[in-house]
Amino acid sequence: MIDLIGYAASFFVVLSFLIKDNLIYIRITNLVGCILFVFYGFAIDSIPIILPNAFLAFVQVFYIVKKGKENKNKSKN
């Protein structure tokens, strides 16, 4: 079961590199992969997997929220 989480995480990260058209979809897909890698890192007790993926998850959330606010402001104008 733990390996399945790792494979799913890898799948989503790779998939995020294959998406070309929509930056939000890329970020959301990568975010899912990062979150799964954090769970995987905890499951195998690996700080080198947890830390960078947790950081990248926060980065993805930051840019997703930022883009959402930009789109909201554009729709007001």
PDB file of N, CA and C in Angstrom:
ATOM      1  N   MET A   1       0.821  -1.202   0.000  1.00  0.00           N
ATOM      2  CA  MET A   1       0.000   0.000   0.000  1.00  0.00           C
ATOM      3  C   MET A   1       0.861   1.260   0.000  1.00  0.00           C
ATOM      4  N   ILE A   2       1.943   1.239   0.748  1.00  0.00           N
ATOM      5  CA  ILE A   2       2.832   2.402   0.798  1.00  0.00           C
ATOM      6  C   ILE A   2       3.437   2.670  -0.580  1.00  0.00           C
ATOM      7  N   ASP A   3       3.855   1.609  -1.257  1.00  0.00           N
ATOM      8  CA  ASP A   3       4.416   1.778  -2.596  1.00  0.00           C
ATOM      9  C   ASP A   3       3.398   2.376  -3.558  1.00  0.00           C
ATOM     10  N   LEU A   4       2.143   1.995  -3.408  1.00  0.00           N
ATOM     11  CA  LEU A   4       1.089   2.529  -4.270  1.00  0.00           C
ATOM     12  C   LEU A   4       0.984   4.056  -4.120  1.00  0.00           C
ATOM     13  N   ILE A   5       1.136   4.549  -2.914  1.00  0.00           N
ATOM     14  CA  ILE A   5       1.120   6.004  -2.689  1.00  0.00           C
ATOM     15  C   ILE A   5       2.302   6.650  -3.412  1.00  0.00           C
ATOM     16  N   GLY A   6       3.463   6.038  -3.323  1.00  0.00           N
ATOM     17  CA  GLY A   6       4.646   6.557  -4.009  1.00  0.00           C
ATOM     18  C   GLY A   6       4.486   6.551  -5.516  1.00  0.00           C
ATOM     19  N   TYR A   7       3.921   5.478  -6.063  1.00  0.00           N
ATOM     20  CA  TYR A   7       3.686   5.406  -7.508  1.00  0.00           C
ATOM     21  C   TYR A   7       2.656   6.442  -7.945  1.00  0.00           C
ATOM     22  N   ALA A   8       1.601   6.619  -7.157  1.00  0.00           N
ATOM     23  CA  ALA A   8       0.582   7.616  -7.488  1.00  0.00           C
ATOM     24  C   ALA A   8       1.186   9.018  -7.460  1.00  0.00           C
ATOM     25  N   ALA A   9       2.014   9.281  -6.465  1.00  0.00           N
ATOM     26  CA  ALA A   9       2.676  10.583  -6.372  1.00  0.00           C
ATOM     27  C   ALA A   9       3.540  10.828  -7.609  1.00  0.00           C
ATOM     28  N   SER A  10       4.310   9.847  -7.988  1.00  0.00           N
ATOM     29  CA  SER A  10       5.154   9.970  -9.180  1.00  0.00           C
ATOM     30  C   SER A  10       4.316  10.197 -10.422  1.00  0.00           C
ATOM     31  N   PHE A  11       3.210   9.472 -10.514  1.00  0.00           N
ATOM     32  CA  PHE A  11       2.312   9.617 -11.668  1.00  0.00           C
ATOM     33  C   PHE A  11       1.815  11.057 -11.795  1.00  0.00           C
ATOM     34  N   PHE A  12       1.354  11.637 -10.690  1.00  0.00           N
ATOM     35  CA  PHE A  12       0.828  13.001 -10.755  1.00  0.00           C
ATOM     36  C   PHE A  12       1.906  14.024 -11.062  1.00  0.00           C
ATOM     37  N   VAL A  13       3.094  13.847 -10.528  1.00  0.00           N
ATOM     38  CA  VAL A  13       4.175  14.783 -10.828  1.00  0.00           C
ATOM     39  C   VAL A  13       4.555  14.693 -12.301  1.00  0.00           C
ATOM     40  N   VAL A  14       4.685  13.493 -12.825  1.00  0.00           N
ATOM     41  CA  VAL A  14       5.010  13.323 -14.244  1.00  0.00           C
ATOM     42  C   VAL A  14       3.881  13.881 -15.105  1.00  0.00           C
ATOM     43  N   LEU A  15       2.644  13.592 -14.736  1.00  0.00           N
ATOM     44  CA  LEU A  15       1.492  14.101 -15.482  1.00  0.00           C
ATOM     45  C   LEU A  15       1.496  15.625 -15.532  1.00  0.00           C
ATOM     46  N   SER A  16       1.908  16.261 -14.445  1.00  0.00           N
ATOM     47  CA  SER A  16       1.938  17.729 -14.426  1.00  0.00           C
ATOM     48  C   SER A  16       2.916  18.286 -15.462  1.00  0.00           C
ATOM     49  N   PHE A  17       3.936  17.531 -15.804  1.00  0.00           N
ATOM     50  CA  PHE A  17       4.882  17.963 -16.834  1.00  0.00           C
ATOM     51  C   PHE A  17       4.344  17.744 -18.239  1.00  0.00           C
ATOM     52  N   LEU A  18       3.341  16.912 -18.375  1.00  0.00           N
ATOM     53  CA  LEU A  18       2.784  16.608 -19.690  1.00  0.00           C
ATOM     54  C   LEU A  18       1.634  17.528 -20.080  1.00  0.00           C
ATOM     55  N   ILE A  19       1.043  18.200 -19.117  1.00  0.00           N
ATOM     56  CA  ILE A  19      -0.056  19.126 -19.402  1.00  0.00           C
ATOM     57  C   ILE A  19       0.538  20.400 -19.987  1.00  0.00           C
ATOM     58  N   LYS A  20      -0.044  20.870 -21.096  1.00  0.00           N
ATOM     59  CA  LYS A  20       0.552  22.008 -21.779  1.00  0.00           C
ATOM     60  C   LYS A  20      -0.297  23.275 -21.754  1.00  0.00           C
ATOM     61  N   ASP A  21      -1.599  23.161 -21.698  1.00  0.00           N
ATOM     62  CA  ASP A  21      -2.434  24.320 -21.981  1.00  0.00           C
ATOM     63  C   ASP A  21      -2.816  25.168 -20.780  1.00  0.00           C
ATOM     64  N   ASN A  22      -3.050  24.572 -19.643  1.00  0.00           N
ATOM     65  CA  ASN A  22      -3.647  25.311 -18.538  1.00  0.00           C
ATOM     66  C   ASN A  22      -2.738  25.275 -17.313  1.00  0.00           C
ATOM     67  N   LEU A  23      -2.211  26.432 -16.953  1.00  0.00           N
ATOM     68  CA  LEU A  23      -1.264  26.510 -15.836  1.00  0.00           C
ATOM     69  C   LEU A  23      -1.901  26.097 -14.508  1.00  0.00           C
ATOM     70  N   ILE A  24      -3.170  26.412 -14.326  1.00  0.00           N
ATOM     71  CA  ILE A  24      -3.842  26.019 -13.081  1.00  0.00           C
ATOM     72  C   ILE A  24      -3.924  24.499 -12.992  1.00  0.00           C
ATOM     73  N   TYR A  25      -4.263  23.824 -14.089  1.00  0.00           N
ATOM     74  CA  TYR A  25      -4.305  22.356 -14.085  1.00  0.00           C
ATOM     75  C   TYR A  25      -2.924  21.769 -13.788  1.00  0.00           C
ATOM     76  N   ILE A  26      -1.892  22.388 -14.329  1.00  0.00           N
ATOM     77  CA  ILE A  26      -0.524  21.930 -14.066  1.00  0.00           C
ATOM     78  C   ILE A  26      -0.234  22.036 -12.569  1.00  0.00           C
ATOM     79  N   ARG A  27      -0.545  23.181 -11.985  1.00  0.00           N
ATOM     80  CA  ARG A  27      -0.264  23.403 -10.562  1.00  0.00           C
ATOM     81  C   ARG A  27      -1.086  22.477  -9.670  1.00  0.00           C
ATOM     82  N   ILE A  28      -2.358  22.280  -9.995  1.00  0.00           N
ATOM     83  CA  ILE A  28      -3.197  21.398  -9.189  1.00  0.00           C
ATOM     84  C   ILE A  28      -2.707  19.962  -9.284  1.00  0.00           C
ATOM     85  N   THR A  29      -2.363  19.526 -10.476  1.00  0.00           N
ATOM     86  CA  THR A  29      -1.856  18.161 -10.664  1.00  0.00           C
ATOM     87  C   THR A  29      -0.553  17.965  -9.906  1.00  0.00           C
ATOM     88  N   ASN A  30       0.329  18.947  -9.991  1.00  0.00           N
ATOM     89  CA  ASN A  30       1.591  18.863  -9.263  1.00  0.00           C
ATOM     90  C   ASN A  30       1.354  18.902  -7.762  1.00  0.00           C
ATOM     91  N   LEU A  31       0.397  19.706  -7.321  1.00  0.00           N
ATOM     92  CA  LEU A  31       0.050  19.787  -5.903  1.00  0.00           C
ATOM     93  C   LEU A  31      -0.400  18.427  -5.377  1.00  0.00           C
ATOM     94  N   VAL A  32      -1.229  17.739  -6.130  1.00  0.00           N
ATOM     95  CA  VAL A  32      -1.673  16.398  -5.721  1.00  0.00           C
ATOM     96  C   VAL A  32      -0.470  15.473  -5.576  1.00  0.00           C
ATOM     97  N   GLY A  33       0.447  15.522  -6.540  1.00  0.00           N
ATOM     98  CA  GLY A  33       1.654  14.698  -6.462  1.00  0.00           C
ATOM     99  C   GLY A  33       2.498  15.042  -5.246  1.00  0.00           C
ATOM    100  N   CYS A  34       2.661  16.329  -4.973  1.00  0.00           N
ATOM    101  CA  CYS A  34       3.454  16.753  -3.810  1.00  0.00           C
ATOM    102  C   CYS A  34       2.823  16.287  -2.502  1.00  0.00           C
ATOM    103  N   ILE A  35       1.508  16.425  -2.392  1.00  0.00           N
ATOM    104  CA  ILE A  35       0.823  15.990  -1.174  1.00  0.00           C
ATOM    105  C   ILE A  35       0.969  14.482  -0.992  1.00  0.00           C
ATOM    106  N   LEU A  36       0.818  13.747  -2.080  1.00  0.00           N
ATOM    107  CA  LEU A  36       0.995  12.293  -1.982  1.00  0.00           C
ATOM    108  C   LEU A  36       2.427  11.945  -1.582  1.00  0.00           C
ATOM    109  N   PHE A  37       3.397  12.686  -2.107  1.00  0.00           N
ATOM    110  CA  PHE A  37       4.788  12.436  -1.719  1.00  0.00           C
ATOM    111  C   PHE A  37       5.025  12.747  -0.240  1.00  0.00           C
ATOM    112  N   VAL A  38       4.337  13.756   0.288  1.00  0.00           N
ATOM    113  CA  VAL A  38       4.464  14.047   1.720  1.00  0.00           C
ATOM    114  C   VAL A  38       3.938  12.863   2.530  1.00  0.00           C
ATOM    115  N   PHE A  39       2.765  12.345   2.160  1.00  0.00           N
ATOM    116  CA  PHE A  39       2.231  11.162   2.845  1.00  0.00           C
ATOM    117  C   PHE A  39       3.185   9.975   2.718  1.00  0.00           C
ATOM    118  N   TYR A  40       3.709   9.797   1.518  1.00  0.00           N
ATOM    119  CA  TYR A  40       4.663   8.710   1.286  1.00  0.00           C
ATOM    120  C   TYR A  40       5.905   8.894   2.148  1.00  0.00           C
ATOM    121  N   GLY A  41       6.408  10.118   2.216  1.00  0.00           N
ATOM    122  CA  GLY A  41       7.586  10.401   3.035  1.00  0.00           C
ATOM    123  C   GLY A  41       7.354  10.085   4.502  1.00  0.00           C
ATOM    124  N   PHE A  42       6.165  10.433   5.004  1.00  0.00           N
ATOM    125  CA  PHE A  42       5.841  10.083   6.388  1.00  0.00           C
ATOM    126  C   PHE A  42       5.746   8.566   6.561  1.00  0.00           C
ATOM    127  N   ALA A  43       5.173   7.900   5.568  1.00  0.00           N
ATOM    128  CA  ALA A  43       4.998   6.448   5.661  1.00  0.00           C
ATOM    129  C   ALA A  43       6.331   5.714   5.710  1.00  0.00           C
ATOM    130  N   ILE A  44       7.327   6.250   5.003  1.00  0.00           N
ATOM    131  CA  ILE A  44       8.635   5.578   5.009  1.00  0.00           C
ATOM    132  C   ILE A  44       9.640   6.313   5.899  1.00  0.00           C
ATOM    133  N   ASP A  45       9.168   7.335   6.611  1.00  0.00           N
ATOM    134  CA  ASP A  45       9.995   8.099   7.547  1.00  0.00           C
ATOM    135  C   ASP A  45      11.213   8.706   6.857  1.00  0.00           C
ATOM    136  N   SER A  46      10.934   9.507   5.808  1.00  0.00           N
ATOM    137  CA  SER A  46      12.011  10.099   5.020  1.00  0.00           C
ATOM    138  C   SER A  46      11.860  11.619   4.947  1.00  0.00           C
ATOM    139  N   ILE A  47      12.623  12.303   5.770  1.00  0.00           N
ATOM    140  CA  ILE A  47      12.607  13.764   5.787  1.00  0.00           C
ATOM    141  C   ILE A  47      13.008  14.351   4.423  1.00  0.00           C
ATOM    142  N   PRO A  48      13.992  13.782   3.704  1.00  0.00           N
ATOM    143  CA  PRO A  48      14.349  14.344   2.391  1.00  0.00           C
ATOM    144  C   PRO A  48      13.210  14.275   1.364  1.00  0.00           C
ATOM    145  N   ILE A  49      12.240  13.439   1.561  1.00  0.00           N
ATOM    146  CA  ILE A  49      11.071  13.412   0.682  1.00  0.00           C
ATOM    147  C   ILE A  49      10.010  14.371   1.202  1.00  0.00           C
ATOM    148  N   ILE A  50       9.834  14.436   2.496  1.00  0.00           N
ATOM    149  CA  ILE A  50       8.795  15.269   3.094  1.00  0.00           C
ATOM    150  C   ILE A  50       9.064  16.758   2.878  1.00  0.00           C
ATOM    151  N   LEU A  51      10.250  17.225   3.232  1.00  0.00           N
ATOM    152  CA  LEU A  51      10.522  18.669   3.236  1.00  0.00           C
ATOM    153  C   LEU A  51      10.376  19.347   1.872  1.00  0.00           C
ATOM    154  N   PRO A  52      11.035  18.867   0.822  1.00  0.00           N
ATOM    155  CA  PRO A  52      10.893  19.595  -0.448  1.00  0.00           C
ATOM    156  C   PRO A  52       9.478  19.514  -1.016  1.00  0.00           C
ATOM    157  N   ASN A  53       8.814  18.393  -0.816  1.00  0.00           N
ATOM    158  CA  ASN A  53       7.464  18.269  -1.357  1.00  0.00           C
ATOM    159  C   ASN A  53       6.454  19.085  -0.565  1.00  0.00           C
ATOM    160  N   ALA A  54       6.646  19.198   0.736  1.00  0.00           N
ATOM    161  CA  ALA A  54       5.782  20.075   1.531  1.00  0.00           C
ATOM    162  C   ALA A  54       5.989  21.528   1.106  1.00  0.00           C
ATOM    163  N   PHE A  55       7.238  21.914   0.912  1.00  0.00           N
ATOM    164  CA  PHE A  55       7.531  23.269   0.449  1.00  0.00           C
ATOM    165  C   PHE A  55       6.895  23.525  -0.918  1.00  0.00           C
ATOM    166  N   LEU A  56       7.066  22.579  -1.846  1.00  0.00           N
ATOM    167  CA  LEU A  56       6.483  22.747  -3.179  1.00  0.00           C
ATOM    168  C   LEU A  56       4.956  22.777  -3.140  1.00  0.00           C
ATOM    169  N   ALA A  57       4.361  22.032  -2.228  1.00  0.00           N
ATOM    170  CA  ALA A  57       2.902  22.072  -2.089  1.00  0.00           C
ATOM    171  C   ALA A  57       2.460  23.477  -1.687  1.00  0.00           C
ATOM    172  N   PHE A  58       3.168  24.097  -0.735  1.00  0.00           N
ATOM    173  CA  PHE A  58       2.833  25.462  -0.341  1.00  0.00           C
ATOM    174  C   PHE A  58       3.030  26.442  -1.489  1.00  0.00           C
ATOM    175  N   VAL A  59       4.085  26.246  -2.270  1.00  0.00           N
ATOM    176  CA  VAL A  59       4.327  27.104  -3.432  1.00  0.00           C
ATOM    177  C   VAL A  59       3.170  26.979  -4.425  1.00  0.00           C
ATOM    178  N   GLN A  60       2.737  25.753  -4.693  1.00  0.00           N
ATOM    179  CA  GLN A  60       1.635  25.548  -5.638  1.00  0.00           C
ATOM    180  C   GLN A  60       0.358  26.198  -5.120  1.00  0.00           C
ATOM    181  N   VAL A  61       0.068  26.029  -3.839  1.00  0.00           N
ATOM    182  CA  VAL A  61      -1.135  26.646  -3.259  1.00  0.00           C
ATOM    183  C   VAL A  61      -1.044  28.166  -3.363  1.00  0.00           C
ATOM    184  N   PHE A  62       0.116  28.724  -3.067  1.00  0.00           N
ATOM    185  CA  PHE A  62       0.308  30.175  -3.155  1.00  0.00           C
ATOM    186  C   PHE A  62      -0.046  30.681  -4.551  1.00  0.00           C
ATOM    187  N   TYR A  63       0.504  30.040  -5.582  1.00  0.00           N
ATOM    188  CA  TYR A  63       0.266  30.501  -6.947  1.00  0.00           C
ATOM    189  C   TYR A  63      -1.159  30.213  -7.429  1.00  0.00           C
ATOM    190  N   ILE A  64      -1.762  29.144  -6.952  1.00  0.00           N
ATOM    191  CA  ILE A  64      -3.158  28.868  -7.303  1.00  0.00           C
ATOM    192  C   ILE A  64      -4.059  29.952  -6.703  1.00  0.00           C
ATOM    193  N   VAL A  65      -3.832  30.291  -5.448  1.00  0.00           N
ATOM    194  CA  VAL A  65      -4.626  31.340  -4.791  1.00  0.00           C
ATOM    195  C   VAL A  65      -4.377  32.688  -5.467  1.00  0.00           C
ATOM    196  N   LYS A  66      -3.124  32.976  -5.776  1.00  0.00           N
ATOM    197  CA  LYS A  66      -2.786  34.233  -6.443  1.00  0.00           C
ATOM    198  C   LYS A  66      -3.502  34.344  -7.784  1.00  0.00           C
ATOM    199  N   LYS A  67      -3.487  33.290  -8.551  1.00  0.00           N
ATOM    200  CA  LYS A  67      -4.153  33.298  -9.859  1.00  0.00           C
ATOM    201  C   LYS A  67      -5.663  33.459  -9.683  1.00  0.00           C
ATOM    202  N   GLY A  68      -6.221  32.808  -8.665  1.00  0.00           N
ATOM    203  CA  GLY A  68      -7.646  32.950  -8.391  1.00  0.00           C
ATOM    204  C   GLY A  68      -8.021  34.385  -8.064  1.00  0.00           C
ATOM    205  N   LYS A  69      -7.186  35.057  -7.281  1.00  0.00           N
ATOM    206  CA  LYS A  69      -7.444  36.460  -6.941  1.00  0.00           C
ATOM    207  C   LYS A  69      -7.316  37.345  -8.180  1.00  0.00           C
ATOM    208  N   GLU A  70      -6.326  37.058  -9.032  1.00  0.00           N
ATOM    209  CA  GLU A  70      -6.171  37.833 -10.273  1.00  0.00           C
ATOM    210  C   GLU A  70      -7.398  37.668 -11.161  1.00  0.00           C
ATOM    211  N   ASN A  71      -7.889  36.450 -11.294  1.00  0.00           N
ATOM    212  CA  ASN A  71      -9.066  36.201 -12.119  1.00  0.00           C
ATOM    213  C   ASN A  71     -10.299  36.885 -11.534  1.00  0.00           C
ATOM    214  N   LYS A  72     -10.399  36.909 -10.215  1.00  0.00           N
ATOM    215  CA  LYS A  72     -11.523  37.562  -9.551  1.00  0.00           C
ATOM    216  C   LYS A  72     -11.482  39.066  -9.803  1.00  0.00           C
ATOM    217  N   ASN A  73     -10.281  39.649  -9.728  1.00  0.00           N
ATOM    218  CA  ASN A  73     -10.130  41.070  -9.986  1.00  0.00           C
ATOM    219  C   ASN A  73     -10.422  41.416 -11.436  1.00  0.00           C
ATOM    220  N   LYS A  74     -10.043  40.550 -12.365  1.00  0.00           N
ATOM    221  CA  LYS A  74     -10.320  40.777 -13.778  1.00  0.00           C
ATOM    222  C   LYS A  74     -11.813  40.754 -14.054  1.00  0.00           C
ATOM    223  N   SER A  75     -12.523  39.869 -13.382  1.00  0.00           N
ATOM    224  CA  SER A  75     -13.957  39.762 -13.623  1.00  0.00           C
ATOM    225  C   SER A  75     -14.719  40.965 -13.061  1.00  0.00           C
ATOM    226  N   LYS A  76     -14.145  41.653 -12.076  1.00  0.00           N
ATOM    227  CA  LYS A  76     -14.773  42.851 -11.524  1.00  0.00           C
ATOM    228  C   LYS A  76     -14.671  44.028 -12.473  1.00  0.00           C
ATOM    229  N   ASN A  77     -13.606  44.042 -13.289  1.00  0.00           N
ATOM    230  CA  ASN A  77     -13.375  45.178 -14.204  1.00  0.00           C
ATOM    231  C   ASN A  77     -14.168  45.037 -15.429  1.00  0.00           C
TER     232      ASN A  77
END
